Amino acid sequence: TFEYEFPLKDSGTYWYHAHNMGWEQVARGLYGPLIIDDDGDPPVDHDICLMIDDWRLDNDGQIHQASLGSLHDWSHAGRLGNWLTVNGLSAPSFQVKDKARIRLLMINAANARVMTIQLDDAQATLVALDGAVCLPEQINRIILAPAQRADVILDMDRGILTLSEVSTGEPYPAGTINVDPALGVSSLGTSERAKTALTLPAPPKLPSLNNVRRIPIHMQGGAMGNLQSALFDGEEKPLRELAQNHKKLWAFNGAVGDYRQIMAEIELNSLVSIDVYNDTAWQHAMHLHGHHFWVLSDDPTIALPSGQRDTWLMQPQERISLVFRADNPGLWLFHCHMLEHAAAGMGVVLSIN
């Protein structure tokens, strides 16, 4: 047994999961939500946490064990499932008050699938991403890469709200939210008396970059990639040998990443920019432990978030800067949250002291 103790400095939607053989243990369901409340949160009638996952099942409806550790998955998009659950259930139903104001706390717990959640044609207000406040935005669908979270608030103006996962182009049932008259009517107002307007804090502003510490990361590897060889355990090895003998397929700056490998020593409270070039044929959900970052890009076609994040979905050939204040001392992972990619070389440690 082990007891984890840590200060709760930030409210928001978070989660915990295995990091030892995470590619298998998370695929088996070893995770859970961590929801941290604050007295200043907007009042709602119901908080509904949606832990969304896809599972690869065999013909008997069991976890497809033979494919765990598949080199094809590790070199391509990661382990994609064929069965969707929310909170461990297939298309669950949630009951709410009539005219309820609800907050949906959505977490993508999948190993690798980038989820697109459709909220019927309802208009919801996006209020937080990855546990950090953002400028309010009216949406009815949200894209969530593995490990990303989104909080939305909406008013039930109908008897039933259907949630679907639509990333494949075909709607897949994710769940329903149903008005149950037995629960009563919202205490926050009715259709005749408008609910109180949402009052939300502004996200923190990006500080001056005059003294920023830049850490360049050139990501290479995977299928259809341009990585011929990489440094591994102090030796340059060809990709074929890395793949066949070590199941390593990805590299940062020409070296296979590892959870024992410290990429940079960073002074506490300094401003840091991780300048990432995704020089691969695949998407990567880049996740930084212990911090939130601002996302910057010179590409005007990239829709940047209004607030901070801790996970950013990078497209093939995308260049991005992830800027953060290194105000949390310790050893912190920076890795791809497609967990097969992390296991195969896409992960390093930043030391802050």
Protein backbone atom coordinates (compact mmCIF):
# COMPACT_ATOMS: atom_id res chain seq x y z
CA THR A 1 0.00 0.00 0.00
CA PHE A 2 1.02 3.60 -0.50
CA GLU A 3 -0.57 6.81 0.70
CA TYR A 4 -0.41 9.81 -1.64
CA GLU A 5 -0.53 13.26 -0.04
CA PHE A 6 -0.46 16.44 -2.08
CA PRO A 7 -1.78 20.01 -1.77
CA LEU A 8 -4.89 20.91 -3.78
CA LYS A 9 -3.79 24.23 -5.25
CA ASP A 10 -6.12 24.25 -8.27
CA SER A 11 -9.77 23.38 -8.60
CA GLY A 12 -11.00 21.64 -11.73
CA THR A 13 -11.38 18.31 -13.50
CA TYR A 14 -8.43 15.95 -13.22
CA TRP A 15 -7.84 12.21 -13.15
CA TYR A 16 -5.41 9.58 -11.91
CA HIS A 17 -4.13 6.49 -13.71
CA ALA A 18 -1.33 3.95 -13.82
CA HIS A 19 2.05 5.02 -15.18
CA ASN A 20 3.69 1.63 -14.77
CA MET A 21 2.95 -0.27 -17.99
CA GLY A 22 0.27 2.36 -18.51
CA TRP A 23 -0.36 1.14 -22.06
CA GLU A 24 -1.75 -2.10 -20.57
CA GLN A 25 -2.99 -1.08 -17.12
CA VAL A 26 -4.98 1.92 -18.38
CA ALA A 27 -6.35 -0.27 -21.18
CA ARG A 28 -7.62 -2.57 -18.41
CA GLY A 29 -9.32 0.33 -16.60
CA LEU A 30 -6.86 1.35 -13.87
CA TYR A 31 -7.87 5.01 -13.57
CA GLY A 32 -10.44 7.31 -12.01
CA PRO A 33 -11.55 10.96 -11.84
CA LEU A 34 -10.29 13.58 -9.41
CA ILE A 35 -12.78 16.46 -9.23
CA ILE A 36 -11.62 19.41 -7.12
CA ASP A 37 -14.34 21.88 -6.17
CA ASP A 38 -14.04 25.54 -5.26
CA ASP A 39 -16.42 27.84 -3.40
CA GLY A 40 -16.35 30.19 -6.37
CA ASP A 41 -17.57 27.63 -8.90
CA PRO A 42 -20.75 28.67 -10.76
CA PRO A 43 -23.83 27.14 -9.03
CA VAL A 44 -25.47 24.23 -10.86
CA ASP A 45 -28.19 21.73 -10.04
CA HIS A 46 -26.12 18.71 -11.06
CA ASP A 47 -22.47 17.90 -11.62
CA ILE A 48 -22.17 14.94 -13.99
CA CYS A 49 -18.72 13.41 -14.51
CA LEU A 50 -18.29 11.56 -17.82
CA MET A 51 -15.23 9.29 -17.86
CA ILE A 52 -15.08 8.29 -21.54
CA ASP A 53 -13.09 5.29 -22.75
CA ASP A 54 -12.90 2.89 -25.65
CA TRP A 55 -12.05 -0.76 -25.10
CA ARG A 56 -10.73 -3.32 -27.55
CA LEU A 57 -12.89 -6.39 -26.95
CA ASP A 58 -12.68 -9.85 -28.48
CA ASN A 59 -15.62 -11.88 -29.80
CA ASP A 60 -16.44 -13.01 -26.25
CA GLY A 61 -16.75 -9.42 -25.02
CA GLN A 62 -13.52 -9.65 -23.00
CA ILE A 63 -10.45 -7.40 -23.20
CA HIS A 64 -8.52 -8.39 -26.32
CA GLN A 65 -5.38 -9.52 -24.50
CA ALA A 66 -3.54 -10.91 -27.52
CA SER A 67 -3.23 -7.41 -28.99
CA LEU A 68 -1.78 -5.80 -25.85
CA GLY A 69 1.70 -4.59 -26.74
CA SER A 70 1.05 -4.78 -30.50
CA LEU A 71 3.99 -3.27 -32.38
CA HIS A 72 1.55 -2.09 -35.05
CA ASP A 73 -0.35 -0.02 -32.46
CA TRP A 74 2.87 1.34 -30.98
CA SER A 75 4.14 2.53 -34.37
CA HIS A 76 0.79 3.85 -35.66
CA ALA A 77 -2.05 5.70 -33.89
CA GLY A 78 -1.94 3.67 -30.64
CA ARG A 79 -4.42 1.19 -29.21
CA LEU A 80 -7.89 2.01 -30.54
CA GLY A 81 -10.89 0.23 -29.08
CA ASN A 82 -14.14 -1.06 -30.58
CA TRP A 83 -16.47 -0.48 -27.62
CA LEU A 84 -17.30 2.81 -25.90
CA THR A 85 -18.17 3.28 -22.25
CA VAL A 86 -18.93 6.26 -20.04
CA ASN A 87 -18.14 5.65 -16.35
CA GLY A 88 -17.65 1.99 -17.23
CA LEU A 89 -21.16 1.63 -18.68
CA SER A 90 -22.49 1.39 -22.21
CA ALA A 91 -24.63 4.45 -23.00
CA PRO A 92 -25.61 5.22 -19.38
CA SER A 93 -28.60 7.38 -18.45
CA PHE A 94 -28.42 10.29 -15.98
CA GLN A 95 -31.49 11.77 -14.28
CA VAL A 96 -31.78 15.52 -13.61
CA LYS A 97 -34.32 18.04 -12.35
CA ASP A 98 -36.73 19.78 -14.67
CA LYS A 99 -35.15 22.94 -16.17
CA ALA A 100 -31.87 21.94 -14.54
CA ARG A 101 -28.60 23.74 -15.03
CA ILE A 102 -25.97 21.00 -15.30
CA ARG A 103 -22.21 20.88 -15.50
CA LEU A 104 -20.68 18.08 -17.56
CA LEU A 105 -17.13 17.17 -16.57
CA MET A 106 -15.75 15.21 -19.52
CA ILE A 107 -12.53 13.18 -19.36
CA ASN A 108 -10.98 11.21 -22.21
CA ALA A 109 -9.50 8.13 -20.52
CA ALA A 110 -8.75 6.24 -23.75
CA ASN A 111 -5.26 4.96 -24.52
CA ALA A 112 -5.14 6.67 -27.89
CA ARG A 113 -8.50 7.59 -29.43
CA VAL A 114 -9.22 11.26 -30.03
CA MET A 115 -12.89 11.60 -29.04
CA THR A 116 -15.44 14.01 -30.49
CA ILE A 117 -18.44 14.35 -28.19
CA GLN A 118 -21.66 15.73 -29.69
CA LEU A 119 -24.27 17.24 -27.36
CA ASP A 120 -27.27 16.94 -29.70
CA ASP A 121 -28.00 20.45 -30.99
CA ALA A 122 -27.91 21.91 -27.47
CA GLN A 123 -25.87 25.01 -26.77
CA ALA A 124 -23.46 24.53 -23.89
CA THR A 125 -20.99 27.00 -22.42
CA LEU A 126 -17.41 25.76 -22.35
CA VAL A 127 -15.96 27.01 -19.05
CA ALA A 128 -12.74 25.02 -18.49
CA LEU A 129 -10.21 22.89 -20.36
CA ASP A 130 -7.82 20.47 -18.63
CA GLY A 131 -8.88 21.88 -15.27
CA ALA A 132 -8.02 25.47 -16.23
CA VAL A 133 -10.54 28.25 -16.84
CA CYS A 134 -10.99 29.52 -20.40
CA LEU A 135 -13.01 32.29 -21.98
CA PRO A 136 -16.65 31.12 -22.20
CA GLU A 137 -17.56 29.71 -25.60
CA GLN A 138 -20.84 28.37 -26.94
CA ILE A 139 -20.40 24.85 -28.31
CA ASN A 140 -22.37 21.68 -28.98
CA ARG A 141 -19.39 19.42 -29.65
CA ILE A 142 -15.92 19.10 -28.19
CA ILE A 143 -12.77 17.29 -29.36
CA LEU A 144 -10.82 15.60 -26.57
CA ALA A 145 -7.47 13.93 -27.09
CA PRO A 146 -6.38 11.27 -24.58
CA ALA A 147 -6.01 12.85 -21.09
CA GLN A 148 -7.79 16.07 -22.10
CA ARG A 149 -10.79 17.30 -20.09
CA ALA A 150 -13.54 19.81 -20.70
CA ASP A 151 -16.16 21.35 -18.39
CA VAL A 152 -19.36 22.65 -19.97
CA ILE A 153 -22.48 24.16 -18.39
CA LEU A 154 -25.89 23.97 -20.04
CA ASP A 155 -29.53 24.49 -19.19
CA MET A 156 -31.88 21.60 -19.89
CA ASP A 157 -34.48 23.04 -22.25
CA ARG A 158 -35.72 19.60 -23.31
CA GLY A 159 -36.80 16.32 -21.77
CA ILE A 160 -33.79 14.37 -22.98
CA LEU A 161 -30.29 15.22 -24.15
CA THR A 162 -28.45 12.60 -26.21
CA LEU A 163 -24.64 12.38 -26.12
CA SER A 164 -22.80 10.77 -29.03
CA GLU A 165 -19.20 10.07 -29.97
CA VAL A 166 -18.79 11.08 -33.64
CA SER A 167 -15.05 10.95 -34.40
CA THR A 168 -15.53 8.17 -36.97
CA GLY A 169 -18.27 10.07 -38.80
CA GLU A 170 -20.91 7.64 -37.51
CA PRO A 171 -22.63 8.62 -34.23
CA TYR A 172 -21.94 6.11 -31.46
CA PRO A 173 -24.23 6.32 -28.39
CA ALA A 174 -22.41 7.71 -25.36
CA GLY A 175 -25.35 8.31 -23.01
CA THR A 176 -28.46 10.32 -22.29
CA ILE A 177 -29.46 12.95 -19.74
CA ASN A 178 -33.13 12.71 -18.84
CA VAL A 179 -35.43 15.04 -16.96
CA ASP A 180 -37.04 13.21 -14.03
CA PRO A 181 -40.06 15.14 -12.65
CA ALA A 182 -39.73 13.24 -9.39
CA LEU A 183 -36.52 15.18 -8.68
CA GLY A 184 -38.40 18.49 -8.75
CA VAL A 185 -37.60 21.73 -10.55
CA SER A 186 -34.32 23.61 -10.72
CA SER A 187 -33.71 25.96 -7.80
CA LEU A 188 -31.76 28.26 -10.11
CA GLY A 189 -34.74 29.44 -12.15
CA THR A 190 -37.23 28.25 -14.75
CA SER A 191 -37.90 28.99 -18.39
CA GLU A 192 -40.18 31.82 -17.24
CA ARG A 193 -37.52 33.28 -14.92
CA ALA A 194 -34.12 33.26 -16.55
CA LYS A 195 -31.29 31.65 -14.65
CA THR A 196 -28.52 33.77 -13.25
CA ALA A 197 -25.90 34.63 -15.86
CA LEU A 198 -22.65 32.70 -15.54
CA THR A 199 -19.91 34.66 -13.82
CA LEU A 200 -16.52 33.21 -14.66
CA PRO A 201 -12.96 34.29 -13.81
CA ALA A 202 -10.70 35.37 -16.65
CA PRO A 203 -7.85 33.02 -17.58
CA PRO A 204 -4.34 34.18 -16.61
CA LYS A 205 -2.55 36.30 -19.17
CA LEU A 206 0.63 35.22 -20.95
CA PRO A 207 3.62 36.97 -19.35
CA SER A 208 6.35 38.71 -21.32
CA LEU A 209 8.59 36.29 -23.19
CA ASN A 210 11.69 38.48 -22.92
CA ASN A 211 13.48 36.09 -20.56
CA VAL A 212 11.92 32.80 -21.62
CA ARG A 213 14.01 29.61 -21.50
CA ARG A 214 13.50 27.68 -24.74
CA ILE A 215 13.67 23.88 -24.92
CA PRO A 216 13.47 22.65 -28.55
CA ILE A 217 12.02 19.17 -29.15
CA HIS A 218 12.15 17.54 -32.58
CA MET A 219 9.78 14.55 -32.56
CA GLN A 220 10.47 11.78 -35.07
CA GLY A 221 9.63 8.13 -35.63
CA GLY A 222 6.71 5.80 -36.11
CA ALA A 223 5.34 4.24 -39.24
CA MET A 224 5.80 6.29 -42.41
CA GLY A 225 8.36 8.39 -40.52
CA ASN A 226 11.84 9.67 -41.32
CA LEU A 227 13.74 8.25 -38.35
CA GLN A 228 16.57 6.00 -39.52
CA SER A 229 18.36 5.56 -36.18
CA ALA A 230 18.35 6.99 -32.67
CA LEU A 231 20.40 7.07 -29.50
CA PHE A 232 19.29 4.41 -27.01
CA ASP A 233 21.08 3.52 -23.76
CA GLY A 234 24.09 5.52 -24.91
CA GLU A 235 24.38 3.84 -28.33
CA GLU A 236 23.19 4.81 -31.78
CA LYS A 237 20.97 2.01 -33.06
CA PRO A 238 19.08 1.58 -36.34
CA LEU A 239 15.29 1.86 -36.14
CA ARG A 240 14.77 -1.76 -37.18
CA GLU A 241 16.86 -2.98 -34.25
CA LEU A 242 15.16 -0.56 -31.86
CA ALA A 243 11.75 -1.79 -32.96
CA GLN A 244 12.43 -5.52 -33.07
CA ASN A 245 14.64 -5.85 -29.99
CA HIS A 246 13.46 -3.03 -27.72
CA LYS A 247 9.98 -1.96 -28.96
CA LYS A 248 11.27 1.61 -29.31
CA LEU A 249 9.94 3.55 -32.30
CA TRP A 250 9.96 7.26 -31.46
CA ALA A 251 12.62 9.81 -30.56
CA PHE A 252 13.02 13.33 -29.16
CA ASN A 253 16.00 15.21 -30.63
CA GLY A 254 17.44 11.99 -32.04
CA ALA A 255 17.26 10.07 -28.77
CA VAL A 256 14.70 7.51 -27.62
CA GLY A 257 12.83 9.06 -24.71
CA ASP A 258 12.72 7.38 -21.31
CA TYR A 259 11.22 8.13 -17.92
CA ARG A 260 14.75 8.01 -16.49
CA GLN A 261 16.04 10.58 -18.98
CA ILE A 262 16.26 14.19 -17.74
CA MET A 263 15.99 16.44 -20.79
CA ALA A 264 16.49 19.75 -19.00
CA GLU A 265 17.39 21.23 -15.60
CA ILE A 266 15.10 24.22 -15.03
CA GLU A 267 15.40 26.96 -12.43
CA LEU A 268 12.37 27.27 -10.17
CA ASN A 269 9.91 30.06 -11.16
CA SER A 270 11.55 30.60 -14.54
CA LEU A 271 9.45 30.98 -17.69
CA VAL A 272 9.92 28.07 -20.07
CA SER A 273 8.86 27.42 -23.65
CA ILE A 274 8.88 23.84 -24.96
CA ASP A 275 9.17 24.39 -28.72
CA VAL A 276 7.88 21.19 -30.30
CA TYR A 277 8.08 20.12 -33.94
CA ASN A 278 5.92 17.08 -34.70
CA ASP A 279 7.98 15.73 -37.58
CA THR A 280 5.91 12.52 -37.80
CA ALA A 281 2.90 11.24 -39.72
CA TRP A 282 0.74 10.95 -36.59
CA GLN A 283 -1.14 13.00 -34.02
CA HIS A 284 0.36 13.26 -30.54
CA ALA A 285 -1.35 14.40 -27.32
CA MET A 286 1.58 16.11 -25.59
CA HIS A 287 1.08 16.24 -21.83
CA LEU A 288 3.10 18.06 -19.16
CA HIS A 289 2.85 16.89 -15.56
CA GLY A 290 2.58 19.34 -12.70
CA HIS A 291 1.88 22.51 -14.74
CA HIS A 292 -0.48 24.23 -17.13
CA PHE A 293 0.87 25.96 -20.23
CA TRP A 294 -0.12 28.58 -22.77
CA VAL A 295 -0.16 27.37 -26.38
CA LEU A 296 1.50 29.60 -28.99
CA SER A 297 1.94 29.21 -32.75
CA ASP A 298 2.95 31.30 -35.76
CA ASP A 299 0.43 29.36 -37.88
CA PRO A 300 -2.77 31.43 -38.19
CA THR A 301 -4.80 28.34 -39.14
CA ILE A 302 -4.33 26.73 -35.71
CA ALA A 303 -7.18 27.46 -33.28
CA LEU A 304 -5.36 28.27 -30.05
CA PRO A 305 -7.05 27.96 -26.65
CA SER A 306 -8.07 31.12 -24.79
CA GLY A 307 -6.70 29.76 -21.52
CA GLN A 308 -4.07 27.29 -20.41
CA ARG A 309 -3.95 23.55 -20.95
CA ASP A 310 -1.87 20.62 -19.74
CA THR A 311 -2.37 18.47 -22.84
CA TRP A 312 -2.18 19.64 -26.45
CA LEU A 313 -3.09 17.58 -29.52
CA MET A 314 -0.41 18.13 -32.14
CA GLN A 315 -1.12 17.46 -35.79
CA PRO A 316 1.49 15.94 -38.14
CA GLN A 317 4.14 18.50 -39.13
CA GLU A 318 2.77 21.03 -36.62
CA ARG A 319 5.09 23.40 -34.75
CA ILE A 320 3.92 24.71 -31.41
CA SER A 321 5.28 26.40 -28.29
CA LEU A 322 4.06 25.32 -24.87
CA VAL A 323 4.90 28.11 -22.41
CA PHE A 324 4.71 27.58 -18.64
CA ARG A 325 5.89 29.06 -15.38
CA ALA A 326 8.10 26.45 -13.70
CA ASP A 327 6.65 27.11 -10.24
CA ASN A 328 6.23 23.50 -9.13
CA PRO A 329 9.54 21.93 -8.02
CA GLY A 330 10.30 18.31 -8.73
CA LEU A 331 10.76 15.81 -11.55
CA TRP A 332 7.97 16.14 -14.12
CA LEU A 333 7.18 14.03 -17.15
CA PHE A 334 6.61 15.49 -20.59
CA HIS A 335 5.21 12.79 -22.83
CA CYS A 336 2.72 11.80 -25.48
CA HIS A 337 -0.52 10.59 -23.91
CA MET A 338 -1.10 8.12 -26.68
CA LEU A 339 0.22 5.66 -24.12
CA GLU A 340 1.76 3.27 -26.67
CA HIS A 341 3.78 6.18 -28.07
CA ALA A 342 5.05 7.07 -24.59
CA ALA A 343 6.11 3.47 -23.96
CA ALA A 344 7.91 3.38 -27.32
CA GLY A 345 10.06 6.46 -26.72
CA MET A 346 7.94 9.63 -26.50
CA GLY A 347 8.62 10.65 -22.92
CA VAL A 348 11.27 12.57 -20.97
CA VAL A 349 11.68 14.24 -17.58
CA LEU A 350 12.03 17.94 -16.76
CA SER A 351 13.82 18.67 -13.47
CA ILE A 352 12.67 21.87 -11.74
CA ASN A 353 14.55 23.08 -8.69
